[in-house]
Amino acid sequence: QGQLVESGGGLVQPGGSLRLSCAVSIITFDIYLMRWYRQAPGKQRELVASITADGDSDYADSVKGRFAISRDNAKSTMYLQMNSLKPEDTAVYYCNAHYRHTYTGQEFDYWGQGTRVTVSS
């Protein structure tokens, strides 16, 4: 079993920055694909950024150039540095750990409880 705990959310003014953390309790953290999702009020959950076990990252178009995802395998922690925040970034942010066994196809998915980010003046 795995446990993910997000932190770092809060209220920030437009143009400000926040750094989200996701502390992960999975023995084999370093093999998992890690992702940040967000869900704004009245909207579906959307993928914000992902980082592979090898450190390759990808971003939603809406956050490219403003957000940066990273991971520290030694600390079993993932981060999301959010800069130049906009009101439309307001959402609950969730971290996700995903692994698919190469040979059996068995998949493992773990979710955090979410941390709220509010961008408002």
Protein backbone atom coordinates (compact mmCIF):
# COMPACT_ATOMS: atom_id res chain seq x y z
CA GLN A 1 0.00 0.00 0.00
CA GLY A 2 1.05 3.55 -0.59
CA GLN A 3 0.28 6.83 1.07
CA LEU A 4 0.62 10.27 -0.47
CA VAL A 5 0.39 13.50 1.52
CA GLU A 6 0.30 16.89 -0.20
CA SER A 7 1.24 20.17 1.43
CA GLY A 8 2.06 23.74 0.48
CA GLY A 9 -1.29 24.99 -0.73
CA GLY A 10 -2.80 28.28 0.36
CA LEU A 11 -3.95 31.72 -0.68
CA VAL A 12 -1.70 33.73 -2.97
CA GLN A 13 -2.12 36.89 -5.01
CA PRO A 14 -2.03 36.81 -8.81
CA GLY A 15 1.58 36.75 -9.99
CA GLY A 16 2.72 35.05 -6.82
CA SER A 17 4.35 31.69 -6.26
CA LEU A 18 3.73 28.53 -4.29
CA ARG A 19 5.59 25.27 -3.92
CA LEU A 20 3.58 22.12 -3.44
CA SER A 21 5.08 18.97 -1.96
CA CYS A 22 3.91 15.38 -2.10
CA ALA A 23 5.46 13.08 0.47
CA VAL A 24 5.16 9.49 -0.64
CA SER A 25 5.23 6.32 1.44
CA ILE A 26 5.90 3.70 -1.21
CA ILE A 27 8.85 1.43 -0.82
CA THR A 28 9.74 1.61 -4.53
CA PHE A 29 9.01 5.31 -5.05
CA ASP A 30 11.76 5.69 -7.63
CA ILE A 31 10.03 3.45 -10.19
CA TYR A 32 6.73 5.30 -10.13
CA LEU A 33 5.46 7.80 -12.64
CA MET A 34 4.44 10.81 -10.57
CA ARG A 35 1.78 13.31 -11.58
CA TRP A 36 0.04 16.41 -10.34
CA TYR A 37 -3.63 16.85 -11.13
CA ARG A 38 -5.98 19.65 -10.22
CA GLN A 39 -9.71 20.08 -9.99
CA ALA A 40 -11.31 23.49 -10.09
CA PRO A 41 -14.83 24.07 -8.75
CA GLY A 42 -17.38 22.70 -11.19
CA LYS A 43 -14.76 21.25 -13.50
CA GLN A 44 -13.26 17.86 -14.17
CA ARG A 45 -9.93 16.83 -12.76
CA GLU A 46 -7.13 17.65 -15.20
CA LEU A 47 -3.52 16.59 -15.51
CA VAL A 48 -1.14 19.44 -14.76
CA ALA A 49 2.32 17.88 -14.92
CA SER A 50 4.05 14.54 -14.84
CA ILE A 51 7.56 13.26 -14.22
CA THR A 52 8.84 9.82 -15.08
CA ALA A 53 11.12 7.63 -13.01
CA ASP A 54 13.96 8.88 -15.22
CA GLY A 55 13.09 12.50 -14.57
CA ASP A 56 11.46 13.37 -17.87
CA SER A 57 8.71 15.91 -17.36
CA ASP A 58 5.66 17.04 -19.27
CA TYR A 59 3.17 19.85 -18.71
CA ALA A 60 -0.30 20.94 -19.65
CA ASP A 61 -0.19 23.82 -22.12
CA SER A 62 -1.89 26.08 -19.59
CA VAL A 63 1.04 25.86 -17.16
CA LYS A 64 4.06 25.52 -19.45
CA GLY A 65 6.73 28.04 -18.60
CA ARG A 66 5.18 28.80 -15.21
CA PHE A 67 5.18 25.49 -13.34
CA ALA A 68 8.07 23.11 -12.72
CA ILE A 69 7.72 19.53 -11.50
CA SER A 70 10.55 17.73 -9.77
CA ARG A 71 11.21 14.71 -7.60
CA ASP A 72 13.72 13.74 -4.96
CA ASN A 73 13.93 9.96 -4.91
CA ALA A 74 16.11 9.98 -1.80
CA LYS A 75 13.33 11.75 0.09
CA SER A 76 10.44 10.01 -1.74
CA THR A 77 8.98 13.42 -2.42
CA MET A 78 7.62 15.19 -5.46
CA TYR A 79 7.32 18.94 -5.88
CA LEU A 80 5.45 21.43 -8.00
CA GLN A 81 6.91 24.93 -8.16
CA MET A 82 4.19 27.27 -9.34
CA ASN A 83 5.15 30.76 -10.49
CA SER A 84 3.22 33.60 -12.08
CA LEU A 85 0.02 32.21 -10.65
CA LYS A 86 -3.28 33.22 -12.18
CA PRO A 87 -6.81 33.14 -10.78
CA GLU A 88 -7.57 30.29 -13.18
CA ASP A 89 -4.97 28.17 -11.35
CA THR A 90 -7.32 28.08 -8.37
CA ALA A 91 -8.11 24.42 -7.67
CA VAL A 92 -7.49 21.51 -5.37
CA TYR A 93 -4.20 19.94 -6.40
CA TYR A 94 -3.72 16.19 -6.09
CA CYS A 95 -0.62 14.08 -6.44
CA ASN A 96 -0.74 10.68 -8.04
CA ALA A 97 1.70 7.79 -8.16
CA HIS A 98 1.31 5.34 -11.03
CA TYR A 99 3.15 2.17 -11.96
CA ARG A 100 2.43 -0.47 -14.56
CA HIS A 101 4.33 -3.74 -14.32
CA THR A 102 6.10 -4.31 -17.62
CA TYR A 103 5.36 -8.02 -17.90
CA THR A 104 2.13 -8.63 -16.00
CA GLY A 105 0.41 -5.37 -16.87
CA GLN A 106 -0.70 -4.99 -13.28
CA GLU A 107 -1.20 -1.35 -12.43
CA PHE A 108 -0.82 0.49 -9.15
CA ASP A 109 -2.36 3.89 -8.53
CA TYR A 110 -2.20 5.96 -5.35
CA TRP A 111 -3.71 9.37 -4.67
CA GLY A 112 -3.23 12.06 -2.09
CA GLN A 113 -6.05 13.85 -0.33
CA GLY A 114 -5.41 17.14 -2.13
CA THR A 115 -4.23 20.59 -1.16
CA ARG A 116 -6.17 23.73 -2.00
CA VAL A 117 -4.62 26.57 -3.97
CA THR A 118 -6.48 29.85 -4.21
CA VAL A 119 -5.19 32.66 -6.40
CA SER A 120 -7.00 35.86 -5.61
CA SER A 121 -6.35 39.49 -4.79
